[in-house]
C-alpha atoms as a PDB file:
ATOM      1  CA  MET A   1       0.056   0.151   0.014  1.00  0.00           C
ATOM      2  CA  THR A   2       1.256   3.561  -0.980  1.00  0.00           C
ATOM      3  CA  LYS A   3       1.559   5.991   1.637  1.00  0.00           C
ATOM      4  CA  ALA A   4       0.256   9.365   1.060  1.00  0.00           C
ATOM      5  CA  ALA A   5       3.328  12.092   1.359  1.00  0.00           C
ATOM      6  CA  PRO A   6       3.535  13.895   4.607  1.00  0.00           C
ATOM      7  CA  ALA A   7       2.014  17.222   4.556  1.00  0.00           C
ATOM      8  CA  GLY A   8       4.756  19.813   3.338  1.00  0.00           C
ATOM      9  CA  SER A   9       7.053  17.363   2.123  1.00  0.00           C
ATOM     10  CA  ALA A  10       8.734  18.214  -1.244  1.00  0.00           C
ATOM     11  CA  GLN A  11       6.298  15.611  -2.727  1.00  0.00           C
ATOM     12  CA  SER A  12       3.217  17.087  -1.364  1.00  0.00           C
ATOM     13  CA  ILE A  13       4.134  20.667  -2.170  1.00  0.00           C
ATOM     14  CA  ALA A  14       4.955  19.532  -6.045  1.00  0.00           C
ATOM     15  CA  SER A  15       1.867  18.087  -6.022  1.00  0.00           C
ATOM     16  CA  GLY A  16      -0.026  20.886  -4.612  1.00  0.00           C
ATOM     17  CA  GLY A  17       1.828  23.210  -7.147  1.00  0.00           C
ATOM     18  CA  SER A  18       0.884  20.880 -10.133  1.00  0.00           C
ATOM     19  CA  ARG A  19      -2.906  21.201  -9.214  1.00  0.00           C
ATOM     20  CA  ALA A  20      -2.625  24.727  -8.586  1.00  0.00           C
ATOM     21  CA  ARG A  21      -1.137  25.381 -12.070  1.00  0.00           C
ATOM     22  CA  ALA A  22      -3.940  23.004 -13.629  1.00  0.00           C
ATOM     23  CA  LEU A  23      -6.837  25.014 -11.789  1.00  0.00           C
ATOM     24  CA  GLY A  24      -5.149  28.211 -12.938  1.00  0.00           C
ATOM     25  CA  GLU A  25      -5.024  26.757 -16.733  1.00  0.00           C
ATOM     26  CA  THR A  26      -8.663  25.795 -16.490  1.00  0.00           C
ATOM     27  CA  ARG A  27      -9.839  29.043 -15.063  1.00  0.00           C
ATOM     28  CA  ARG A  28      -7.831  31.238 -17.750  1.00  0.00           C
ATOM     29  CA  ALA A  29      -9.432  28.854 -20.402  1.00  0.00           C
ATOM     30  CA  GLY A  30     -12.957  29.521 -18.864  1.00  0.00           C
ATOM     31  CA  ILE A  31     -12.012  33.401 -18.670  1.00  0.00           C
ATOM     32  CA  LEU A  32     -10.888  33.636 -22.404  1.00  0.00           C
ATOM     33  CA  ALA A  33     -14.110  31.565 -23.295  1.00  0.00           C
ATOM     34  CA  TRP A  34     -16.046  34.410 -21.564  1.00  0.00           C
ATOM     35  CA  LEU A  35     -14.277  36.993 -23.444  1.00  0.00           C
ATOM     36  CA  GLN A  36     -14.743  35.387 -26.823  1.00  0.00           C
ATOM     37  CA  GLU A  37     -18.435  35.334 -26.184  1.00  0.00           C
ATOM     38  CA  GLU A  38     -19.206  38.784 -24.586  1.00  0.00           C
ATOM     39  CA  GLY A  39     -15.992  40.867 -25.887  1.00  0.00           C
ATOM     40  CA  SER A  40     -15.222  42.531 -22.512  1.00  0.00           C
ATOM     41  CA  ALA A  41     -15.484  42.033 -18.744  1.00  0.00           C
ATOM     42  CA  ARG A  42     -14.819  43.551 -15.696  1.00  0.00           C
ATOM     43  CA  VAL A  43     -12.615  42.212 -13.293  1.00  0.00           C
ATOM     44  CA  ARG A  44     -15.102  42.057 -10.387  1.00  0.00           C
ATOM     45  CA  THR A  45     -17.535  40.302 -12.478  1.00  0.00           C
ATOM     46  CA  LEU A  46     -14.866  37.583 -13.556  1.00  0.00           C
ATOM     47  CA  ALA A  47     -13.920  37.143  -9.710  1.00  0.00           C
ATOM     48  CA  GLU A  48     -17.699  36.772  -8.668  1.00  0.00           C
ATOM     49  CA  ALA A  49     -18.289  34.429 -11.678  1.00  0.00           C
ATOM     50  CA  PHE A  50     -15.178  32.235 -11.036  1.00  0.00           C
ATOM     51  CA  ASP A  51     -15.115  32.416  -7.193  1.00  0.00           C
ATOM     52  CA  VAL A  52     -11.837  33.587  -6.697  1.00  0.00           C
ATOM     53  CA  SER A  53     -10.194  37.161  -5.639  1.00  0.00           C
ATOM     54  CA  GLU A  54      -9.905  39.999  -7.851  1.00  0.00           C
ATOM     55  CA  VAL A  55      -5.979  39.967  -7.177  1.00  0.00           C
ATOM     56  CA  THR A  56      -6.043  36.164  -8.904  1.00  0.00           C
ATOM     57  CA  VAL A  57      -8.257  37.718 -11.796  1.00  0.00           C
ATOM     58  CA  ARG A  58      -5.694  40.544 -12.591  1.00  0.00           C
ATOM     59  CA  GLN A  59      -3.074  37.798 -12.599  1.00  0.00           C
ATOM     60  CA  ASP A  60      -5.245  35.642 -15.118  1.00  0.00           C
ATOM     61  CA  LEU A  61      -5.588  38.454 -17.428  1.00  0.00           C
ATOM     62  CA  GLU A  62      -1.950  39.759 -17.220  1.00  0.00           C
ATOM     63  CA  LYS A  63      -0.987  35.975 -18.396  1.00  0.00           C
ATOM     64  CA  LEU A  64      -3.727  36.087 -21.238  1.00  0.00           C
ATOM     65  CA  GLU A  65      -2.288  39.391 -22.527  1.00  0.00           C
ATOM     66  CA  ALA A  66       1.033  38.343 -22.410  1.00  0.00           C
ATOM     67  CA  ASP A  67      -0.296  35.431 -24.585  1.00  0.00           C
ATOM     68  CA  GLY A  68      -1.709  37.764 -27.027  1.00  0.00           C
ATOM     69  CA  PHE A  69      -5.393  36.719 -26.609  1.00  0.00           C
ATOM     70  CA  ILE A  70      -6.657  40.066 -24.750  1.00  0.00           C
ATOM     71  CA  VAL A  71      -5.952  43.776 -24.035  1.00  0.00           C
ATOM     72  CA  ARG A  72      -6.190  44.922 -20.322  1.00  0.00           C
ATOM     73  CA  GLU A  73      -7.818  48.095 -19.493  1.00  0.00           C
ATOM     74  CA  HIS A  74      -8.676  49.688 -16.201  1.00  0.00           C
ATOM     75  CA  GLY A  75     -10.856  47.377 -13.891  1.00  0.00           C
ATOM     76  CA  GLY A  76     -11.085  44.779 -16.931  1.00  0.00           C
ATOM     77  CA  ALA A  77     -10.333  43.712 -20.210  1.00  0.00           C
ATOM     78  CA  PHE A  78     -11.464  42.987 -23.712  1.00  0.00           C
ATOM     79  CA  LEU A  79     -10.820  40.535 -26.450  1.00  0.00           C
ATOM     80  CA  LYS A  80      -7.856  41.627 -28.892  1.00  0.00           C
ATOM     81  CA  SER A  81      -9.517  40.781 -31.834  1.00  0.00           C
ATOM     82  CA  VAL A  82     -12.817  42.180 -31.457  1.00  0.00           C
ATOM     83  CA  THR A  83     -12.525  45.437 -33.275  1.00  0.00           C
ATOM     84  CA  GLN A  84     -11.225  43.984 -36.592  1.00  0.00           C
ATOM     85  CA  GLN A  85     -13.902  41.152 -36.157  1.00  0.00           C
ATOM     86  CA  VAL A  86     -16.749  43.348 -35.735  1.00  0.00           C
ATOM     87  CA  ARG A  87     -15.592  45.829 -38.657  1.00  0.00           C
ATOM     88  CA  ALA A  88     -15.358  42.706 -40.894  1.00  0.00           C
ATOM     89  CA  MET A  89     -18.621  41.492 -39.709  1.00  0.00           C
ATOM     90  CA  ALA A  90     -17.075  38.221 -38.717  1.00  0.00           C
ATOM     91  CA  LEU A  91     -17.642  35.850 -35.868  1.00  0.00           C
ATOM     92  CA  GLN A  92     -15.431  34.782 -33.351  1.00  0.00           C
ATOM     93  CA  HIS A  93     -15.567  30.864 -33.672  1.00  0.00           C
ATOM     94  CA  ALA A  94     -14.640  30.039 -37.040  1.00  0.00           C
ATOM     95  CA  GLU A  95     -13.609  26.408 -36.540  1.00  0.00           C
ATOM     96  CA  ASN A  96     -15.015  23.077 -37.741  1.00  0.00           C
ATOM     97  CA  MET A  97     -16.533  25.261 -40.540  1.00  0.00           C
ATOM     98  CA  ASP A  98     -16.917  21.955 -43.272  1.00  0.00           C
ATOM     99  CA  ALA A  99     -19.123  20.182 -40.532  1.00  0.00           C
ATOM    100  CA  LYS A 100     -20.902  23.533 -39.404  1.00  0.00           C
ATOM    101  CA  ARG A 101     -21.737  23.855 -43.278  1.00  0.00           C
ATOM    102  CA  ALA A 102     -23.230  20.516 -43.716  1.00  0.00           C
ATOM    103  CA  ILE A 103     -25.124  20.901 -40.687  1.00  0.00           C
ATOM    104  CA  GLY A 104     -26.556  24.075 -41.938  1.00  0.00           C
ATOM    105  CA  ARG A 105     -27.788  22.393 -45.166  1.00  0.00           C
ATOM    106  CA  ALA A 106     -29.460  19.524 -43.350  1.00  0.00           C
ATOM    107  CA  ALA A 107     -31.146  21.670 -40.642  1.00  0.00           C
ATOM    108  CA  ALA A 108     -32.200  24.301 -43.339  1.00  0.00           C
ATOM    109  CA  ALA A 109     -33.919  21.332 -45.158  1.00  0.00           C
ATOM    110  CA  LEU A 110     -36.322  21.174 -42.030  1.00  0.00           C
ATOM    111  CA  VAL A 111     -37.913  24.511 -43.119  1.00  0.00           C
ATOM    112  CA  GLY A 112     -40.602  24.685 -45.534  1.00  0.00           C
ATOM    113  CA  ASP A 113     -42.149  27.927 -47.146  1.00  0.00           C
ATOM    114  CA  GLY A 114     -44.373  30.251 -45.036  1.00  0.00           C
ATOM    115  CA  GLU A 115     -43.015  29.255 -41.879  1.00  0.00           C
ATOM    116  CA  THR A 116     -42.041  31.474 -38.858  1.00  0.00           C
ATOM    117  CA  ILE A 117     -38.339  30.356 -37.581  1.00  0.00           C
ATOM    118  CA  ILE A 118     -36.340  31.660 -34.742  1.00  0.00           C
ATOM    119  CA  LEU A 119     -32.403  31.925 -35.467  1.00  0.00           C
ATOM    120  CA  ASP A 120     -30.025  31.864 -32.423  1.00  0.00           C
ATOM    121  CA  SER A 121     -27.117  33.680 -32.958  1.00  0.00           C
ATOM    122  CA  GLY A 122     -23.688  31.734 -33.741  1.00  0.00           C
ATOM    123  CA  SER A 123     -21.403  30.144 -36.271  1.00  0.00           C
ATOM    124  CA  THR A 124     -23.555  26.928 -37.118  1.00  0.00           C
ATOM    125  CA  THR A 125     -27.046  28.886 -37.117  1.00  0.00           C
ATOM    126  CA  THR A 126     -25.557  31.403 -39.382  1.00  0.00           C
ATOM    127  CA  GLU A 127     -25.067  28.263 -41.912  1.00  0.00           C
ATOM    128  CA  VAL A 128     -28.464  27.507 -41.472  1.00  0.00           C
ATOM    129  CA  ALA A 129     -29.379  30.936 -42.638  1.00  0.00           C
ATOM    130  CA  ALA A 130     -26.961  31.006 -45.484  1.00  0.00           C
ATOM    131  CA  GLN A 131     -29.326  27.798 -46.747  1.00  0.00           C
ATOM    132  CA  LEU A 132     -32.751  29.783 -46.553  1.00  0.00           C
ATOM    133  CA  PRO A 133     -32.865  32.126 -49.463  1.00  0.00           C
ATOM    134  CA  GLY A 134     -35.066  30.939 -52.241  1.00  0.00           C
ATOM    135  CA  ARG A 135     -37.863  30.072 -49.824  1.00  0.00           C
ATOM    136  CA  ARG A 136     -41.027  32.122 -49.729  1.00  0.00           C
ATOM    137  CA  ASP A 137     -43.143  33.892 -47.271  1.00  0.00           C
ATOM    138  CA  MET A 138     -40.884  33.365 -44.631  1.00  0.00           C
ATOM    139  CA  THR A 139     -40.942  35.120 -41.026  1.00  0.00           C
ATOM    140  CA  VAL A 140     -37.580  35.274 -39.412  1.00  0.00           C
ATOM    141  CA  ILE A 141     -36.895  36.085 -35.820  1.00  0.00           C
ATOM    142  CA  THR A 142     -33.371  36.545 -34.598  1.00  0.00           C
ATOM    143  CA  ASN A 143     -31.088  38.149 -32.121  1.00  0.00           C
ATOM    144  CA  ALA A 144     -28.205  37.955 -34.532  1.00  0.00           C
ATOM    145  CA  LEU A 145     -27.200  41.017 -36.274  1.00  0.00           C
ATOM    146  CA  ASN A 146     -25.309  39.205 -39.149  1.00  0.00           C
ATOM    147  CA  ILE A 147     -28.281  36.734 -39.889  1.00  0.00           C
ATOM    148  CA  ALA A 148     -30.593  39.788 -40.155  1.00  0.00           C
ATOM    149  CA  LEU A 149     -28.422  41.603 -42.753  1.00  0.00           C
ATOM    150  CA  MET A 150     -27.891  38.360 -44.696  1.00  0.00           C
ATOM    151  CA  LEU A 151     -31.710  37.616 -44.860  1.00  0.00           C
ATOM    152  CA  GLY A 152     -33.398  40.896 -44.478  1.00  0.00           C
ATOM    153  CA  ALA A 153     -33.083  42.019 -48.215  1.00  0.00           C
ATOM    154  CA  GLU A 154     -34.374  38.760 -49.618  1.00  0.00           C
ATOM    155  CA  PRO A 155     -37.315  38.398 -51.398  1.00  0.00           C
ATOM    156  CA  GLY A 156     -40.305  36.676 -49.429  1.00  0.00           C
ATOM    157  CA  PHE A 157     -38.537  37.204 -46.068  1.00  0.00           C
ATOM    158  CA  ASP A 158     -40.092  39.359 -43.348  1.00  0.00           C
ATOM    159  CA  VAL A 159     -37.040  39.827 -40.874  1.00  0.00           C
ATOM    160  CA  HIS A 160     -37.342  40.811 -37.092  1.00  0.00           C
ATOM    161  CA  MET A 161     -34.713  41.360 -34.523  1.00  0.00           C
ATOM    162  CA  SER A 162     -34.754  41.452 -30.857  1.00  0.00           C
ATOM    163  CA  GLY A 163     -33.383  44.403 -28.802  1.00  0.00           C
ATOM    164  CA  GLY A 164     -30.820  44.357 -26.026  1.00  0.00           C
ATOM    165  CA  HIS A 165     -27.231  44.579 -25.395  1.00  0.00           C
ATOM    166  CA  PHE A 166     -24.613  44.142 -28.524  1.00  0.00           C
ATOM    167  CA  LYS A 167     -22.169  41.429 -27.938  1.00  0.00           C
ATOM    168  CA  ALA A 168     -19.404  42.224 -30.359  1.00  0.00           C
ATOM    169  CA  PRO A 169     -17.873  38.504 -30.946  1.00  0.00           C
ATOM    170  CA  THR A 170     -21.235  36.869 -31.504  1.00  0.00           C
ATOM    171  CA  LEU A 171     -22.593  39.924 -33.616  1.00  0.00           C
ATOM    172  CA  SER A 172     -25.765  39.568 -31.490  1.00  0.00           C
ATOM    173  CA  LEU A 173     -28.099  41.197 -28.972  1.00  0.00           C
ATOM    174  CA  SER A 174     -28.402  39.473 -25.375  1.00  0.00           C
ATOM    175  CA  GLY A 175     -29.755  40.168 -22.002  1.00  0.00           C
ATOM    176  CA  ASP A 176     -33.216  40.847 -20.350  1.00  0.00           C
ATOM    177  CA  ARG A 177     -34.456  43.070 -23.177  1.00  0.00           C
ATOM    178  CA  SER A 178     -33.802  40.735 -25.752  1.00  0.00           C
ATOM    179  CA  ALA A 179     -35.152  37.942 -23.761  1.00  0.00           C
ATOM    180  CA  ASP A 180     -38.693  40.265 -23.402  1.00  0.00           C
ATOM    181  CA  TYR A 181     -38.819  40.313 -27.177  1.00  0.00           C
ATOM    182  CA  PHE A 182     -39.128  36.803 -27.745  1.00  0.00           C
ATOM    183  CA  ARG A 183     -42.102  36.731 -25.109  1.00  0.00           C
ATOM    184  CA  GLY A 184     -45.535  36.065 -26.599  1.00  0.00           C
ATOM    185  CA  LEU A 185     -44.130  35.397 -29.885  1.00  0.00           C
ATOM    186  CA  PHE A 186     -44.956  31.846 -31.590  1.00  0.00           C
ATOM    187  CA  ALA A 187     -42.649  30.014 -33.993  1.00  0.00           C
ATOM    188  CA  GLN A 188     -42.783  26.822 -35.842  1.00  0.00           C
ATOM    189  CA  THR A 189     -39.129  26.199 -35.167  1.00  0.00           C
ATOM    190  CA  LEU A 190     -36.281  27.465 -33.036  1.00  0.00           C
ATOM    191  CA  PHE A 191     -32.720  26.696 -34.494  1.00  0.00           C
ATOM    192  CA  LEU A 192     -30.763  26.914 -31.191  1.00  0.00           C
ATOM    193  CA  ALA A 193     -26.884  27.197 -30.784  1.00  0.00           C
ATOM    194  CA  THR A 194     -24.601  26.017 -27.959  1.00  0.00           C
ATOM    195  CA  ALA A 195     -21.086  26.094 -26.629  1.00  0.00           C
ATOM    196  CA  ALA A 196     -21.245  22.548 -25.210  1.00  0.00           C
ATOM    197  CA  VAL A 197     -23.789  19.453 -24.674  1.00  0.00           C
ATOM    198  CA  ASP A 198     -23.410  16.865 -22.268  1.00  0.00           C
ATOM    199  CA  LEU A 199     -25.859  14.429 -20.928  1.00  0.00           C
ATOM    200  CA  ARG A 200     -25.471  15.284 -17.496  1.00  0.00           C
ATOM    201  CA  ALA A 201     -24.690  18.784 -17.734  1.00  0.00           C
ATOM    202  CA  GLY A 202     -27.102  19.435 -20.420  1.00  0.00           C
ATOM    203  CA  LEU A 203     -26.835  22.700 -22.497  1.00  0.00           C
ATOM    204  CA  THR A 204     -24.060  24.901 -21.397  1.00  0.00           C
ATOM    205  CA  TYR A 205     -22.471  28.385 -22.443  1.00  0.00           C
ATOM    206  CA  PRO A 206     -19.405  30.105 -21.368  1.00  0.00           C
ATOM    207  CA  ALA A 207     -21.092  33.378 -20.156  1.00  0.00           C
ATOM    208  CA  LEU A 208     -24.647  34.395 -18.355  1.00  0.00           C
ATOM    209  CA  SER A 209     -26.233  36.862 -20.634  1.00  0.00           C
ATOM    210  CA  ASP A 210     -27.379  34.533 -23.112  1.00  0.00           C
ATOM    211  CA  ILE A 211     -29.346  32.299 -20.758  1.00  0.00           C
ATOM    212  CA  PRO A 212     -32.406  34.347 -20.521  1.00  0.00           C
ATOM    213  CA  VAL A 213     -32.540  34.926 -24.392  1.00  0.00           C
ATOM    214  CA  LYS A 214     -32.273  31.300 -25.294  1.00  0.00           C
ATOM    215  CA  ARG A 215     -34.993  30.266 -22.617  1.00  0.00           C
ATOM    216  CA  ALA A 216     -37.501  32.645 -23.957  1.00  0.00           C
ATOM    217  CA  MET A 217     -36.569  31.664 -27.567  1.00  0.00           C
ATOM    218  CA  ILE A 218     -37.457  27.942 -26.374  1.00  0.00           C
ATOM    219  CA  GLU A 219     -40.868  28.969 -24.636  1.00  0.00           C
ATOM    220  CA  ALA A 220     -41.734  30.785 -28.035  1.00  0.00           C
ATOM    221  CA  ALA A 221     -41.027  27.937 -30.296  1.00  0.00           C
ATOM    222  CA  GLU A 222     -43.016  24.861 -31.085  1.00  0.00           C
ATOM    223  CA  ARG A 223     -39.783  22.690 -32.129  1.00  0.00           C
ATOM    224  CA  VAL A 224     -36.154  23.139 -31.048  1.00  0.00           C
ATOM    225  CA  VAL A 225     -33.490  22.031 -33.180  1.00  0.00           C
ATOM    226  CA  LEU A 226     -30.198  22.061 -31.877  1.00  0.00           C
ATOM    227  CA  VAL A 227     -27.317  22.591 -34.170  1.00  0.00           C
ATOM    228  CA  ALA A 228     -24.173  21.617 -32.977  1.00  0.00           C
ATOM    229  CA  ASP A 229     -20.973  19.888 -34.416  1.00  0.00           C
ATOM    230  CA  THR A 230     -19.361  17.052 -32.617  1.00  0.00           C
ATOM    231  CA  SER A 231     -16.457  19.035 -31.076  1.00  0.00           C
ATOM    232  CA  LYS A 232     -18.992  20.299 -28.757  1.00  0.00           C
ATOM    233  CA  ILE A 233     -20.780  17.052 -27.671  1.00  0.00           C
ATOM    234  CA  GLY A 234     -19.333  15.508 -24.355  1.00  0.00           C
ATOM    235  CA  ARG A 235     -18.027  18.949 -23.131  1.00  0.00           C
ATOM    236  CA  ARG A 236     -19.179  21.420 -20.487  1.00  0.00           C
ATOM    237  CA  SER A 237     -18.847  25.083 -20.284  1.00  0.00           C
ATOM    238  CA  PHE A 238     -19.330  27.644 -17.606  1.00  0.00           C
ATOM    239  CA  THR A 239     -23.010  28.095 -17.083  1.00  0.00           C
ATOM    240  CA  ALA A 240     -26.178  25.763 -17.940  1.00  0.00           C
ATOM    241  CA  LEU A 241     -29.516  26.545 -19.783  1.00  0.00           C
ATOM    242  CA  GLY A 242     -31.099  23.376 -19.142  1.00  0.00           C
ATOM    243  CA  GLY A 243     -30.999  19.359 -19.829  1.00  0.00           C
ATOM    244  CA  ILE A 244     -30.986  17.706 -23.043  1.00  0.00           C
ATOM    245  CA  GLU A 245     -34.525  17.288 -23.026  1.00  0.00           C
ATOM    246  CA  LEU A 246     -35.352  20.686 -24.035  1.00  0.00           C
ATOM    247  CA  VAL A 247     -34.361  19.561 -27.681  1.00  0.00           C
ATOM    248  CA  ASP A 248     -36.644  17.967 -29.936  1.00  0.00           C
ATOM    249  CA  VAL A 249     -33.793  17.181 -32.902  1.00  0.00           C
ATOM    250  CA  LEU A 250     -30.004  17.452 -32.839  1.00  0.00           C
ATOM    251  CA  VAL A 251     -28.498  17.951 -36.081  1.00  0.00           C
ATOM    252  CA  THR A 252     -24.700  17.235 -35.878  1.00  0.00           C
ATOM    253  CA  ASP A 253     -22.070  15.879 -38.283  1.00  0.00           C
ATOM    254  CA  ALA A 254     -20.935  12.520 -39.190  1.00  0.00           C
ATOM    255  CA  GLY A 255     -18.225  12.319 -36.577  1.00  0.00           C
ATOM    256  CA  ILE A 256     -20.591  11.596 -33.555  1.00  0.00           C
ATOM    257  CA  ALA A 257     -19.612   8.555 -31.519  1.00  0.00           C
ATOM    258  CA  ALA A 258     -22.229   5.797 -31.568  1.00  0.00           C
ATOM    259  CA  ALA A 259     -22.399   5.660 -28.019  1.00  0.00           C
ATOM    260  CA  ASP A 260     -23.088   9.373 -27.838  1.00  0.00           C
ATOM    261  CA  ARG A 261     -25.888   9.250 -30.454  1.00  0.00           C
ATOM    262  CA  ILE A 262     -27.485   6.261 -28.452  1.00  0.00           C
ATOM    263  CA  ALA A 263     -27.385   8.197 -25.125  1.00  0.00           C
ATOM    264  CA  ILE A 264     -28.816  11.545 -26.822  1.00  0.00           C
ATOM    265  CA  GLU A 265     -31.619   9.579 -28.580  1.00  0.00           C
ATOM    266  CA  GLN A 266     -32.509   7.274 -25.449  1.00  0.00           C
ATOM    267  CA  ALA A 267     -33.030  10.985 -23.898  1.00  0.00           C
ATOM    268  CA  GLY A 268     -35.706  11.409 -26.319  1.00  0.00           C
ATOM    269  CA  VAL A 269     -34.140  13.496 -28.535  1.00  0.00           C
ATOM    270  CA  GLU A 270     -34.096  12.911 -32.538  1.00  0.00           C
ATOM    271  CA  VAL A 271     -30.681  12.615 -34.351  1.00  0.00           C
ATOM    272  CA  MET A 272     -30.017  13.868 -37.567  1.00  0.00           C
ATOM    273  CA  VAL A 273     -26.544  13.302 -38.975  1.00  0.00           C
ATOM    274  CA  ALA A 274     -25.533  15.660 -41.569  1.00  0.00           C
END
């Protein structure tokens, strides 16, 4: 039987240091994900969210700035790439685009002429929107500025946007005012985005401001179609929207593991592979 190293021993100190480094790396990844979602954040907000001191957050922001991801400012920080990204009307998350395009084609095939749909903000829902031109008598409700611009001038499309706080990395409007807009509306289908999906944790996101908006969207829709590539399956992000049972259909790519597909289907969700 192996004995634990005595407290204060070199082995114990080294082990504690390794755990602290791992926790620090995990926390910094979470802070970066938050900034990639929100664009900026105050030190106080991050300290409360991650349950650490403001001194610790400032040290994390110093490291992220040294690594070239962010720019610190008095009392907070902002994402380094956000100005150029917004000027280019580009989204922050542009990875796995081949899978996202395939998902967009498959999801858009679920939409018929004359329907009212809600399109959540995000890179995959943008690919759904890109496949919709050509349909007739469509009503689209969205919190995504880029999607509204994409479809607003299309013949046969009536596009509505929520209000709220502008989030630069996702080119979207969020917060309670945005959520209020969706209350009392009705749509046949919501195309919902997520940062991560896990059978135990459910649908999770890197920041808090989108949660009330997504809940209001779900309440307004008869059917909820989650569009998510397989890099998001089996992962957890910072804050939970709710369980997988909120979703009627998951549209994902061919990389989904057989065990994940079975588990999701057993939870009552139809799985479509693009």
